[in-house]
């Protein structure tokens, strides 16, 4: 079975290559890929190729998803699993892209049990064993202008990783050499600190949205890890170190090396 899978992968990579110029343009223009070595970019290209063949990326509300658009989404998604493998995205098959922010209705109950319906405008959403839903306006904005700690693709695909062991709760499946109690203590302390900052009307160092739930804190921390690792490392070195262990990447060192080259 492993031999057959290896042959399938080789066939996909050789018969469905990503156009060279499109790949070079994305790597050159999207800041999130800064600092990747030649070897890492080559591996990311392979993962992205396999992702594009295994997932459906569909536009809705009249949006036509071009090859370049699909490539941008897939490459950013695969950056998270660069050292983990495509198996981390098993169990679902579709990415849905809206032209802009999309509206959803969510039910909530108060302490008396009264259920209310609230409509929200979202830039992204991840479903357990379902699709990842994204806003192209937000994706395009993230690609055009580097915004520290802001990347909708990273945010939603971090949720997908979080959901590998059930509903998103800020605790993705850890590697055997990681210590669950250490992860829990580090993330709980950082989450509580962010909530206290907001409660005392202090300006937090990272996106306040991370204080809404442990799952959102993990996704927001992942956004900083890949777009502004130095800030995360400065504000919460323990969280940064745990993400280095989980993603098996040291994004701060990668960015520092890239700046020295410049």
C-alpha atoms as a PDB file:
ATOM      1  CA  UNK A   1       0.000   0.000   0.000  1.00  0.00           C
ATOM      2  CA  UNK A   2       2.826   2.400   0.811  1.00  0.00           C
ATOM      3  CA  UNK A   3       4.406   1.661  -2.559  1.00  0.00           C
ATOM      4  CA  UNK A   4       1.145   2.448  -4.352  1.00  0.00           C
ATOM      5  CA  UNK A   5       0.760   5.695  -2.408  1.00  0.00           C
ATOM      6  CA  UNK A   6       4.320   6.671  -3.257  1.00  0.00           C
ATOM      7  CA  UNK A   7       3.663   6.001  -6.935  1.00  0.00           C
ATOM      8  CA  UNK A   8       0.464   8.068  -6.807  1.00  0.00           C
ATOM      9  CA  UNK A   9       2.352  10.982  -5.296  1.00  0.00           C
ATOM     10  CA  UNK A  10       5.095  10.755  -7.895  1.00  0.00           C
ATOM     11  CA  UNK A  11       2.503  10.685 -10.684  1.00  0.00           C
ATOM     12  CA  UNK A  12       0.723  13.765  -9.291  1.00  0.00           C
ATOM     13  CA  UNK A  13       3.930  15.751  -8.911  1.00  0.00           C
ATOM     14  CA  UNK A  14       5.151  14.898 -12.406  1.00  0.00           C
ATOM     15  CA  UNK A  15       1.846  15.235 -14.291  1.00  0.00           C
ATOM     16  CA  UNK A  16       0.244  18.194 -12.479  1.00  0.00           C
ATOM     17  CA  UNK A  17       3.079  20.619 -11.767  1.00  0.00           C
ATOM     18  CA  UNK A  18       2.420  24.153 -10.575  1.00  0.00           C
ATOM     19  CA  UNK A  19       3.376  26.643 -13.325  1.00  0.00           C
ATOM     20  CA  UNK A  20       6.889  27.830 -12.577  1.00  0.00           C
ATOM     21  CA  UNK A  21       6.267  31.554 -13.109  1.00  0.00           C
ATOM     22  CA  UNK A  22       3.105  31.560 -10.979  1.00  0.00           C
ATOM     23  CA  UNK A  23       4.993  29.874  -8.142  1.00  0.00           C
ATOM     24  CA  UNK A  24       7.954  32.258  -8.377  1.00  0.00           C
ATOM     25  CA  UNK A  25       5.623  35.264  -8.376  1.00  0.00           C
ATOM     26  CA  UNK A  26       3.773  34.070  -5.263  1.00  0.00           C
ATOM     27  CA  UNK A  27       7.003  33.301  -3.387  1.00  0.00           C
ATOM     28  CA  UNK A  28       8.424  36.675  -4.359  1.00  0.00           C
ATOM     29  CA  UNK A  29       5.414  38.853  -3.590  1.00  0.00           C
ATOM     30  CA  UNK A  30       3.760  37.256  -0.538  1.00  0.00           C
ATOM     31  CA  UNK A  31       5.626  38.260   2.607  1.00  0.00           C
ATOM     32  CA  UNK A  32       4.428  35.218   4.558  1.00  0.00           C
ATOM     33  CA  UNK A  33       6.894  33.059   2.605  1.00  0.00           C
ATOM     34  CA  UNK A  34       9.885  35.262   3.413  1.00  0.00           C
ATOM     35  CA  UNK A  35      12.912  33.425   4.701  1.00  0.00           C
ATOM     36  CA  UNK A  36      12.036  29.986   3.390  1.00  0.00           C
ATOM     37  CA  UNK A  37      15.127  28.181   2.159  1.00  0.00           C
ATOM     38  CA  UNK A  38      15.318  26.739  -1.343  1.00  0.00           C
ATOM     39  CA  UNK A  39      14.746  23.268   0.103  1.00  0.00           C
ATOM     40  CA  UNK A  40      11.731  24.434   2.107  1.00  0.00           C
ATOM     41  CA  UNK A  41      10.219  26.155  -0.927  1.00  0.00           C
ATOM     42  CA  UNK A  42      10.675  23.025  -3.006  1.00  0.00           C
ATOM     43  CA  UNK A  43       8.953  20.929  -0.348  1.00  0.00           C
ATOM     44  CA  UNK A  44       6.200  23.511   0.045  1.00  0.00           C
ATOM     45  CA  UNK A  45       5.636  23.378  -3.714  1.00  0.00           C
ATOM     46  CA  UNK A  46       5.216  19.598  -3.555  1.00  0.00           C
ATOM     47  CA  UNK A  47       2.771  19.819  -0.651  1.00  0.00           C
ATOM     48  CA  UNK A  48       0.839  22.549  -2.443  1.00  0.00           C
ATOM     49  CA  UNK A  49       0.624  20.461  -5.609  1.00  0.00           C
ATOM     50  CA  UNK A  50      -0.774  17.509  -3.671  1.00  0.00           C
ATOM     51  CA  UNK A  51      -3.173  19.767  -1.761  1.00  0.00           C
ATOM     52  CA  UNK A  52      -4.566  21.184  -5.002  1.00  0.00           C
ATOM     53  CA  UNK A  53      -5.190  17.665  -6.315  1.00  0.00           C
ATOM     54  CA  UNK A  54      -6.801  16.381  -3.106  1.00  0.00           C
ATOM     55  CA  UNK A  55      -9.045  19.329  -2.224  1.00  0.00           C
ATOM     56  CA  UNK A  56     -11.747  21.154  -4.162  1.00  0.00           C
ATOM     57  CA  UNK A  57     -11.394  24.947  -4.057  1.00  0.00           C
ATOM     58  CA  UNK A  58     -14.697  26.438  -5.139  1.00  0.00           C
ATOM     59  CA  UNK A  59     -16.002  29.977  -5.456  1.00  0.00           C
ATOM     60  CA  UNK A  60     -19.563  30.960  -4.570  1.00  0.00           C
ATOM     61  CA  UNK A  61     -21.781  33.987  -5.229  1.00  0.00           C
ATOM     62  CA  UNK A  62     -20.356  34.270  -8.732  1.00  0.00           C
ATOM     63  CA  UNK A  63     -16.702  34.155  -7.744  1.00  0.00           C
ATOM     64  CA  UNK A  64     -14.546  32.328 -10.293  1.00  0.00           C
ATOM     65  CA  UNK A  65     -11.448  30.893  -8.606  1.00  0.00           C
ATOM     66  CA  UNK A  66      -8.439  31.239 -10.888  1.00  0.00           C
ATOM     67  CA  UNK A  67      -5.377  29.028 -10.754  1.00  0.00           C
ATOM     68  CA  UNK A  68      -3.450  31.856  -9.068  1.00  0.00           C
ATOM     69  CA  UNK A  69      -6.137  32.269  -6.401  1.00  0.00           C
ATOM     70  CA  UNK A  70      -6.256  28.561  -5.627  1.00  0.00           C
ATOM     71  CA  UNK A  71      -2.463  28.467  -5.529  1.00  0.00           C
ATOM     72  CA  UNK A  72      -2.317  31.336  -3.015  1.00  0.00           C
ATOM     73  CA  UNK A  73      -4.759  29.623  -0.677  1.00  0.00           C
ATOM     74  CA  UNK A  74      -3.152  26.193  -0.960  1.00  0.00           C
ATOM     75  CA  UNK A  75       0.419  27.426  -0.455  1.00  0.00           C
ATOM     76  CA  UNK A  76      -0.490  29.392   2.671  1.00  0.00           C
ATOM     77  CA  UNK A  77      -2.427  26.440   4.056  1.00  0.00           C
ATOM     78  CA  UNK A  78       0.502  24.110   3.412  1.00  0.00           C
ATOM     79  CA  UNK A  79       2.960  26.439   5.144  1.00  0.00           C
ATOM     80  CA  UNK A  80       1.421  25.333   8.457  1.00  0.00           C
ATOM     81  CA  UNK A  81       2.081  21.662   7.673  1.00  0.00           C
ATOM     82  CA  UNK A  82       5.447  22.161   5.986  1.00  0.00           C
ATOM     83  CA  UNK A  83       7.124  19.865   8.532  1.00  0.00           C
ATOM     84  CA  UNK A  84       4.005  17.899   9.496  1.00  0.00           C
ATOM     85  CA  UNK A  85       2.707  16.410   6.254  1.00  0.00           C
ATOM     86  CA  UNK A  86      -0.488  16.510   4.228  1.00  0.00           C
ATOM     87  CA  UNK A  87      -2.081  13.833   6.434  1.00  0.00           C
ATOM     88  CA  UNK A  88      -2.813  16.625   8.906  1.00  0.00           C
ATOM     89  CA  UNK A  89      -5.499  17.832   6.490  1.00  0.00           C
ATOM     90  CA  UNK A  90      -7.208  14.462   6.073  1.00  0.00           C
ATOM     91  CA  UNK A  91     -10.924  14.014   6.725  1.00  0.00           C
ATOM     92  CA  UNK A  92     -12.361  16.836   4.618  1.00  0.00           C
ATOM     93  CA  UNK A  93     -12.187  17.831   0.961  1.00  0.00           C
ATOM     94  CA  UNK A  94     -13.391  21.365   0.223  1.00  0.00           C
ATOM     95  CA  UNK A  95     -12.376  25.012   0.509  1.00  0.00           C
ATOM     96  CA  UNK A  96     -15.185  27.470  -0.207  1.00  0.00           C
ATOM     97  CA  UNK A  97     -14.321  31.041  -1.150  1.00  0.00           C
ATOM     98  CA  UNK A  98     -16.743  33.966  -1.012  1.00  0.00           C
ATOM     99  CA  UNK A  99     -15.989  37.215  -2.835  1.00  0.00           C
ATOM    100  CA  UNK A 100     -15.966  39.106   0.483  1.00  0.00           C
ATOM    101  CA  UNK A 101     -17.104  38.789   4.069  1.00  0.00           C
ATOM    102  CA  UNK A 102     -20.044  36.423   4.371  1.00  0.00           C
ATOM    103  CA  UNK A 103     -22.925  36.490   6.820  1.00  0.00           C
ATOM    104  CA  UNK A 104     -23.912  33.623   9.098  1.00  0.00           C
ATOM    105  CA  UNK A 105     -26.634  33.288  11.711  1.00  0.00           C
ATOM    106  CA  UNK A 106     -25.651  31.741  15.026  1.00  0.00           C
ATOM    107  CA  UNK A 107     -27.872  30.755  17.925  1.00  0.00           C
ATOM    108  CA  UNK A 108     -26.962  31.617  21.501  1.00  0.00           C
ATOM    109  CA  UNK A 109     -28.768  31.019  24.787  1.00  0.00           C
ATOM    110  CA  UNK A 110     -28.703  33.226  27.885  1.00  0.00           C
ATOM    111  CA  UNK A 111     -28.787  32.040  31.498  1.00  0.00           C
ATOM    112  CA  UNK A 112     -32.584  31.665  31.349  1.00  0.00           C
ATOM    113  CA  UNK A 113     -32.388  29.397  28.314  1.00  0.00           C
ATOM    114  CA  UNK A 114     -33.752  32.011  25.939  1.00  0.00           C
ATOM    115  CA  UNK A 115     -32.306  31.421  22.482  1.00  0.00           C
ATOM    116  CA  UNK A 116     -31.470  34.393  20.284  1.00  0.00           C
ATOM    117  CA  UNK A 117     -30.363  34.496  16.664  1.00  0.00           C
ATOM    118  CA  UNK A 118     -27.406  36.702  15.844  1.00  0.00           C
ATOM    119  CA  UNK A 119     -26.125  37.519  12.379  1.00  0.00           C
ATOM    120  CA  UNK A 120     -22.390  37.953  11.966  1.00  0.00           C
ATOM    121  CA  UNK A 121     -20.132  38.958   9.096  1.00  0.00           C
ATOM    122  CA  UNK A 122     -17.123  36.632   8.904  1.00  0.00           C
ATOM    123  CA  UNK A 123     -13.898  36.552   6.907  1.00  0.00           C
ATOM    124  CA  UNK A 124     -13.409  32.847   7.557  1.00  0.00           C
ATOM    125  CA  UNK A 125     -14.862  29.772   9.186  1.00  0.00           C
ATOM    126  CA  UNK A 126     -13.784  26.152   9.684  1.00  0.00           C
ATOM    127  CA  UNK A 127     -16.196  23.280  10.123  1.00  0.00           C
ATOM    128  CA  UNK A 128     -15.436  20.084  11.981  1.00  0.00           C
ATOM    129  CA  UNK A 129     -15.109  17.406   9.255  1.00  0.00           C
ATOM    130  CA  UNK A 130     -16.431  20.002   6.822  1.00  0.00           C
ATOM    131  CA  UNK A 131     -15.068  22.740   4.578  1.00  0.00           C
ATOM    132  CA  UNK A 132     -12.875  25.718   5.258  1.00  0.00           C
ATOM    133  CA  UNK A 133     -14.733  28.880   4.236  1.00  0.00           C
ATOM    134  CA  UNK A 134     -12.804  32.037   3.338  1.00  0.00           C
ATOM    135  CA  UNK A 135     -13.311  35.574   2.065  1.00  0.00           C
ATOM    136  CA  UNK A 136     -11.255  36.371  -1.037  1.00  0.00           C
ATOM    137  CA  UNK A 137     -11.167  40.086  -0.170  1.00  0.00           C
ATOM    138  CA  UNK A 138      -9.380  39.216   3.065  1.00  0.00           C
ATOM    139  CA  UNK A 139      -7.054  36.713   1.410  1.00  0.00           C
ATOM    140  CA  UNK A 140      -6.095  39.255  -1.256  1.00  0.00           C
ATOM    141  CA  UNK A 141      -5.549  41.941   1.377  1.00  0.00           C
ATOM    142  CA  UNK A 142      -3.258  39.663   3.380  1.00  0.00           C
ATOM    143  CA  UNK A 143      -1.239  38.909   0.253  1.00  0.00           C
ATOM    144  CA  UNK A 144      -0.982  42.512  -0.920  1.00  0.00           C
ATOM    145  CA  UNK A 145       0.000  44.111   2.386  1.00  0.00           C
ATOM    146  CA  UNK A 146       1.769  42.333   5.216  1.00  0.00           C
ATOM    147  CA  UNK A 147      -0.295  42.887   8.350  1.00  0.00           C
ATOM    148  CA  UNK A 148       1.450  41.596  11.482  1.00  0.00           C
ATOM    149  CA  UNK A 149      -0.656  38.968  13.199  1.00  0.00           C
ATOM    150  CA  UNK A 150      -3.321  38.932  10.500  1.00  0.00           C
ATOM    151  CA  UNK A 151      -3.801  36.127   8.008  1.00  0.00           C
ATOM    152  CA  UNK A 152      -7.203  34.561   7.451  1.00  0.00           C
ATOM    153  CA  UNK A 153      -5.854  31.409   5.782  1.00  0.00           C
ATOM    154  CA  UNK A 154      -3.469  30.683   8.639  1.00  0.00           C
ATOM    155  CA  UNK A 155      -6.220  31.381  11.179  1.00  0.00           C
ATOM    156  CA  UNK A 156      -8.771  29.009   9.677  1.00  0.00           C
ATOM    157  CA  UNK A 157      -6.322  26.229   8.899  1.00  0.00           C
ATOM    158  CA  UNK A 158      -4.968  26.447  12.445  1.00  0.00           C
ATOM    159  CA  UNK A 159      -8.547  25.684  13.511  1.00  0.00           C
ATOM    160  CA  UNK A 160      -8.468  22.639  11.234  1.00  0.00           C
ATOM    161  CA  UNK A 161      -5.355  21.381  13.006  1.00  0.00           C
ATOM    162  CA  UNK A 162      -6.986  22.097  16.363  1.00  0.00           C
ATOM    163  CA  UNK A 163      -9.988  19.998  15.310  1.00  0.00           C
ATOM    164  CA  UNK A 164      -7.959  16.885  14.562  1.00  0.00           C
ATOM    165  CA  UNK A 165      -8.763  15.499  18.008  1.00  0.00           C
ATOM    166  CA  UNK A 166     -12.324  16.842  18.250  1.00  0.00           C
ATOM    167  CA  UNK A 167     -13.906  20.269  18.502  1.00  0.00           C
ATOM    168  CA  UNK A 168     -11.526  23.222  18.471  1.00  0.00           C
ATOM    169  CA  UNK A 169     -10.390  23.971  22.013  1.00  0.00           C
ATOM    170  CA  UNK A 170      -6.866  25.326  21.637  1.00  0.00           C
ATOM    171  CA  UNK A 171      -5.240  21.928  22.143  1.00  0.00           C
ATOM    172  CA  UNK A 172      -4.323  20.244  18.844  1.00  0.00           C
ATOM    173  CA  UNK A 173      -2.893  16.706  18.902  1.00  0.00           C
ATOM    174  CA  UNK A 174       0.620  17.146  20.276  1.00  0.00           C
ATOM    175  CA  UNK A 175       3.689  15.235  19.159  1.00  0.00           C
ATOM    176  CA  UNK A 176       4.922  12.373  21.382  1.00  0.00           C
ATOM    177  CA  UNK A 177       7.870  14.442  22.650  1.00  0.00           C
ATOM    178  CA  UNK A 178       5.623  17.320  23.751  1.00  0.00           C
ATOM    179  CA  UNK A 179       4.189  17.600  27.268  1.00  0.00           C
ATOM    180  CA  UNK A 180       0.439  18.168  27.382  1.00  0.00           C
ATOM    181  CA  UNK A 181       0.453  19.745  30.858  1.00  0.00           C
ATOM    182  CA  UNK A 182       3.134  22.206  29.763  1.00  0.00           C
ATOM    183  CA  UNK A 183       1.177  23.247  26.665  1.00  0.00           C
ATOM    184  CA  UNK A 184      -1.994  23.668  28.729  1.00  0.00           C
ATOM    185  CA  UNK A 185      -0.278  25.748  31.420  1.00  0.00           C
ATOM    186  CA  UNK A 186       1.494  28.003  28.910  1.00  0.00           C
ATOM    187  CA  UNK A 187      -1.554  28.680  26.756  1.00  0.00           C
ATOM    188  CA  UNK A 188      -3.903  29.056  29.728  1.00  0.00           C
ATOM    189  CA  UNK A 189      -1.616  31.632  31.350  1.00  0.00           C
ATOM    190  CA  UNK A 190      -1.262  33.613  28.124  1.00  0.00           C
ATOM    191  CA  UNK A 191      -5.008  33.459  27.444  1.00  0.00           C
ATOM    192  CA  UNK A 192      -5.827  34.625  30.982  1.00  0.00           C
ATOM    193  CA  UNK A 193      -3.266  37.428  30.700  1.00  0.00           C
ATOM    194  CA  UNK A 194      -4.843  38.680  27.479  1.00  0.00           C
ATOM    195  CA  UNK A 195      -8.307  38.615  29.037  1.00  0.00           C
ATOM    196  CA  UNK A 196      -7.068  40.545  32.093  1.00  0.00           C
ATOM    197  CA  UNK A 197      -5.441  43.159  29.864  1.00  0.00           C
ATOM    198  CA  UNK A 198      -8.738  43.744  28.112  1.00  0.00           C
ATOM    199  CA  UNK A 199     -10.721  43.743  31.380  1.00  0.00           C
ATOM    200  CA  UNK A 200      -8.443  46.513  32.691  1.00  0.00           C
ATOM    201  CA  UNK A 201      -8.750  48.437  29.410  1.00  0.00           C
ATOM    202  CA  UNK A 202      -5.087  47.944  28.612  1.00  0.00           C
ATOM    203  CA  UNK A 203      -3.926  47.814  25.037  1.00  0.00           C
ATOM    204  CA  UNK A 204      -2.941  44.192  24.346  1.00  0.00           C
ATOM    205  CA  UNK A 205       0.137  43.339  22.385  1.00  0.00           C
ATOM    206  CA  UNK A 206      -1.725  40.898  20.148  1.00  0.00           C
ATOM    207  CA  UNK A 207      -5.133  40.803  18.506  1.00  0.00           C
ATOM    208  CA  UNK A 208      -7.847  41.025  21.161  1.00  0.00           C
ATOM    209  CA  UNK A 209      -9.914  38.462  19.263  1.00  0.00           C
ATOM    210  CA  UNK A 210      -7.655  35.832  20.780  1.00  0.00           C
ATOM    211  CA  UNK A 211      -9.338  36.476  24.140  1.00  0.00           C
ATOM    212  CA  UNK A 212     -12.748  35.242  22.973  1.00  0.00           C
ATOM    213  CA  UNK A 213     -11.953  31.524  23.422  1.00  0.00           C
ATOM    214  CA  UNK A 214      -8.924  29.199  23.816  1.00  0.00           C
ATOM    215  CA  UNK A 215      -9.434  27.991  20.235  1.00  0.00           C
ATOM    216  CA  UNK A 216      -9.273  31.562  18.948  1.00  0.00           C
ATOM    217  CA  UNK A 217      -6.171  32.241  21.019  1.00  0.00           C
ATOM    218  CA  UNK A 218      -4.392  29.303  19.395  1.00  0.00           C
ATOM    219  CA  UNK A 219      -5.450  30.473  15.914  1.00  0.00           C
ATOM    220  CA  UNK A 220      -4.411  34.088  16.600  1.00  0.00           C
ATOM    221  CA  UNK A 221      -1.086  32.948  18.087  1.00  0.00           C
ATOM    222  CA  UNK A 222      -0.545  30.898  14.917  1.00  0.00           C
ATOM    223  CA  UNK A 223      -1.189  33.996  12.800  1.00  0.00           C
ATOM    224  CA  UNK A 224       1.550  35.840  14.678  1.00  0.00           C
ATOM    225  CA  UNK A 225       3.840  32.809  14.520  1.00  0.00           C
ATOM    226  CA  UNK A 226       3.796  32.858  10.717  1.00  0.00           C
ATOM    227  CA  UNK A 227       3.422  36.602   9.997  1.00  0.00           C
ATOM    228  CA  UNK A 228       5.120  38.379  12.922  1.00  0.00           C
ATOM    229  CA  UNK A 229       7.020  35.787  14.978  1.00  0.00           C
ATOM    230  CA  UNK A 230       9.288  38.343  16.643  1.00  0.00           C
ATOM    231  CA  UNK A 231       6.302  40.041  18.293  1.00  0.00           C
ATOM    232  CA  UNK A 232       4.908  36.763  19.591  1.00  0.00           C
ATOM    233  CA  UNK A 233       8.343  35.686  20.798  1.00  0.00           C
ATOM    234  CA  UNK A 234       8.767  38.999  22.638  1.00  0.00           C
ATOM    235  CA  UNK A 235       5.313  39.135  24.213  1.00  0.00           C
ATOM    236  CA  UNK A 236       4.885  35.443  25.019  1.00  0.00           C
ATOM    237  CA  UNK A 237       8.112  33.475  24.572  1.00  0.00           C
ATOM    238  CA  UNK A 238       6.605  30.374  26.190  1.00  0.00           C
ATOM    239  CA  UNK A 239       3.727  30.300  23.681  1.00  0.00           C
ATOM    240  CA  UNK A 240       6.190  30.847  20.855  1.00  0.00           C
ATOM    241  CA  UNK A 241       8.355  27.960  22.051  1.00  0.00           C
ATOM    242  CA  UNK A 242       5.353  25.621  22.197  1.00  0.00           C
ATOM    243  CA  UNK A 243       4.394  26.547  18.639  1.00  0.00           C
ATOM    244  CA  UNK A 244       7.967  25.893  17.494  1.00  0.00           C
ATOM    245  CA  UNK A 245       7.600  22.404  18.917  1.00  0.00           C
ATOM    246  CA  UNK A 246       4.168  21.862  17.390  1.00  0.00           C
ATOM    247  CA  UNK A 247       4.804  23.234  13.894  1.00  0.00           C
ATOM    248  CA  UNK A 248       8.412  21.961  13.897  1.00  0.00           C
ATOM    249  CA  UNK A 249       9.467  25.324  12.491  1.00  0.00           C
ATOM    250  CA  UNK A 250      11.316  28.305  13.976  1.00  0.00           C
ATOM    251  CA  UNK A 251       9.777  31.186  12.084  1.00  0.00           C
ATOM    252  CA  UNK A 252      11.589  33.917  14.056  1.00  0.00           C
ATOM    253  CA  UNK A 253      15.003  32.561  13.135  1.00  0.00           C
ATOM    254  CA  UNK A 254      13.840  32.153   9.532  1.00  0.00           C
ATOM    255  CA  UNK A 255      12.750  35.808   9.388  1.00  0.00           C
ATOM    256  CA  UNK A 256      15.952  37.004  11.103  1.00  0.00           C
ATOM    257  CA  UNK A 257      18.116  35.168   8.574  1.00  0.00           C
ATOM    258  CA  UNK A 258      16.059  36.647   5.732  1.00  0.00           C
ATOM    259  CA  UNK A 259      16.590  40.200   7.058  1.00  0.00           C
ATOM    260  CA  UNK A 260      20.326  39.641   7.226  1.00  0.00           C
ATOM    261  CA  UNK A 261      20.305  38.602   3.573  1.00  0.00           C
ATOM    262  CA  UNK A 262      18.559  41.860   2.681  1.00  0.00           C
END
